[in-house]
N, C-alpha and C. Protein backbone atom coordinates (compact mmCIF):
# COMPACT_ATOMS: atom_id res chain seq x y z
N ARG A 1 0.79 -1.19 0.04
CA ARG A 1 -0.05 0.00 0.00
C ARG A 1 0.86 1.28 -0.01
N GLY A 2 2.06 1.21 0.66
CA GLY A 2 2.84 2.37 0.77
C GLY A 2 3.28 2.83 -0.64
N GLU A 3 3.72 1.75 -1.40
CA GLU A 3 4.19 2.13 -2.76
C GLU A 3 3.05 2.68 -3.63
N TRP A 4 1.89 2.10 -3.49
CA TRP A 4 0.69 2.50 -4.30
C TRP A 4 0.40 3.98 -3.88
N ARG A 5 0.45 4.24 -2.70
CA ARG A 5 0.14 5.60 -2.22
C ARG A 5 1.16 6.65 -2.78
N LEU A 6 2.43 6.16 -2.74
CA LEU A 6 3.41 7.10 -3.37
C LEU A 6 3.21 7.31 -4.83
N GLY A 7 2.87 6.25 -5.54
CA GLY A 7 2.59 6.38 -6.97
C GLY A 7 1.44 7.26 -7.18
N LEU A 8 0.39 7.15 -6.40
CA LEU A 8 -0.83 8.08 -6.52
C LEU A 8 -0.39 9.49 -6.37
N SER A 9 0.36 9.74 -5.28
CA SER A 9 0.81 11.12 -4.98
C SER A 9 1.70 11.67 -6.18
N ASP A 10 2.39 10.85 -6.72
CA ASP A 10 3.28 11.18 -7.94
C ASP A 10 2.41 11.62 -9.07
N ILE A 11 1.33 10.79 -9.34
CA ILE A 11 0.45 11.01 -10.45
C ILE A 11 -0.27 12.42 -10.11
N LEU A 12 -0.75 12.63 -8.91
CA LEU A 12 -1.48 13.83 -8.55
C LEU A 12 -0.58 14.99 -8.75
N LEU A 13 0.67 14.86 -8.35
CA LEU A 13 1.61 15.92 -8.47
C LEU A 13 1.84 16.31 -9.99
N ASN A 14 1.99 15.26 -10.72
CA ASN A 14 2.11 15.53 -12.23
C ASN A 14 0.89 16.18 -12.77
N ILE A 15 -0.27 15.78 -12.44
CA ILE A 15 -1.48 16.36 -12.88
C ILE A 15 -1.40 17.88 -12.47
N TYR A 16 -1.19 18.09 -11.15
CA TYR A 16 -1.15 19.41 -10.57
C TYR A 16 -0.18 20.37 -11.42
N ILE A 17 1.01 19.87 -11.79
CA ILE A 17 1.92 20.61 -12.54
C ILE A 17 1.37 20.97 -13.90
N VAL A 18 0.85 19.98 -14.54
CA VAL A 18 0.31 20.10 -15.93
C VAL A 18 -0.80 21.18 -15.95
N VAL A 19 -1.76 21.05 -15.00
CA VAL A 19 -2.84 21.99 -14.82
C VAL A 19 -2.32 23.44 -14.59
N ASN A 20 -1.33 23.47 -13.68
CA ASN A 20 -0.76 24.81 -13.41
C ASN A 20 -0.18 25.45 -14.61
N LYS A 21 0.59 24.64 -15.40
CA LYS A 21 1.21 25.25 -16.68
C LYS A 21 0.09 25.69 -17.67
N SER A 22 -0.92 24.86 -17.68
CA SER A 22 -2.09 25.13 -18.61
C SER A 22 -2.67 26.50 -18.28
N ILE A 23 -2.96 26.65 -16.94
CA ILE A 23 -3.57 27.88 -16.42
C ILE A 23 -2.62 29.11 -16.71
N ASN A 24 -1.43 28.95 -16.38
CA ASN A 24 -0.47 29.99 -16.62
C ASN A 24 -0.38 30.47 -18.03
N THR A 25 -0.45 29.41 -18.96
CA THR A 25 -0.50 29.64 -20.41
C THR A 25 -1.75 30.38 -20.79
N LEU A 26 -2.85 30.04 -20.36
CA LEU A 26 -4.12 30.67 -20.63
C LEU A 26 -4.09 32.00 -20.14
N GLN A 27 -3.68 32.27 -18.95
CA GLN A 27 -3.69 33.59 -18.35
C GLN A 27 -2.72 34.49 -19.15
N TYR A 28 -1.53 33.96 -19.51
CA TYR A 28 -0.57 34.72 -20.29
C TYR A 28 -1.14 35.11 -21.67
N LYS A 29 -1.89 34.15 -22.26
CA LYS A 29 -2.44 34.49 -23.65
C LYS A 29 -3.56 35.46 -23.50
N SER A 30 -4.46 35.26 -22.55
CA SER A 30 -5.53 36.27 -22.36
C SER A 30 -5.02 37.66 -21.92
N HIS A 31 -3.99 37.76 -21.14
CA HIS A 31 -3.39 38.87 -20.74
C HIS A 31 -2.72 39.66 -21.95
N HIS A 32 -2.10 38.79 -22.82
CA HIS A 32 -1.37 39.33 -23.96
C HIS A 32 -2.47 39.94 -24.93
N GLU A 33 -3.61 39.21 -25.08
CA GLU A 33 -4.66 39.63 -25.95
C GLU A 33 -5.21 40.94 -25.44
N LEU A 34 -5.48 41.05 -24.11
CA LEU A 34 -6.03 42.32 -23.51
C LEU A 34 -5.07 43.57 -23.70
N ASN A 35 -3.75 43.25 -23.58
CA ASN A 35 -2.84 44.37 -23.78
C ASN A 35 -2.67 44.88 -25.17
N ARG A 36 -3.04 44.08 -26.12
CA ARG A 36 -3.05 44.48 -27.51
C ARG A 36 -4.20 45.40 -27.85
């Protein structure tokens, strides 16, 4: 169970990073559009 839990947290961490990058990209794009 310990290994499974570690794997799950790794997956969640990866998802969190990907979502964060997506949000940052969207915010940057929308901010860029507004400044134009």
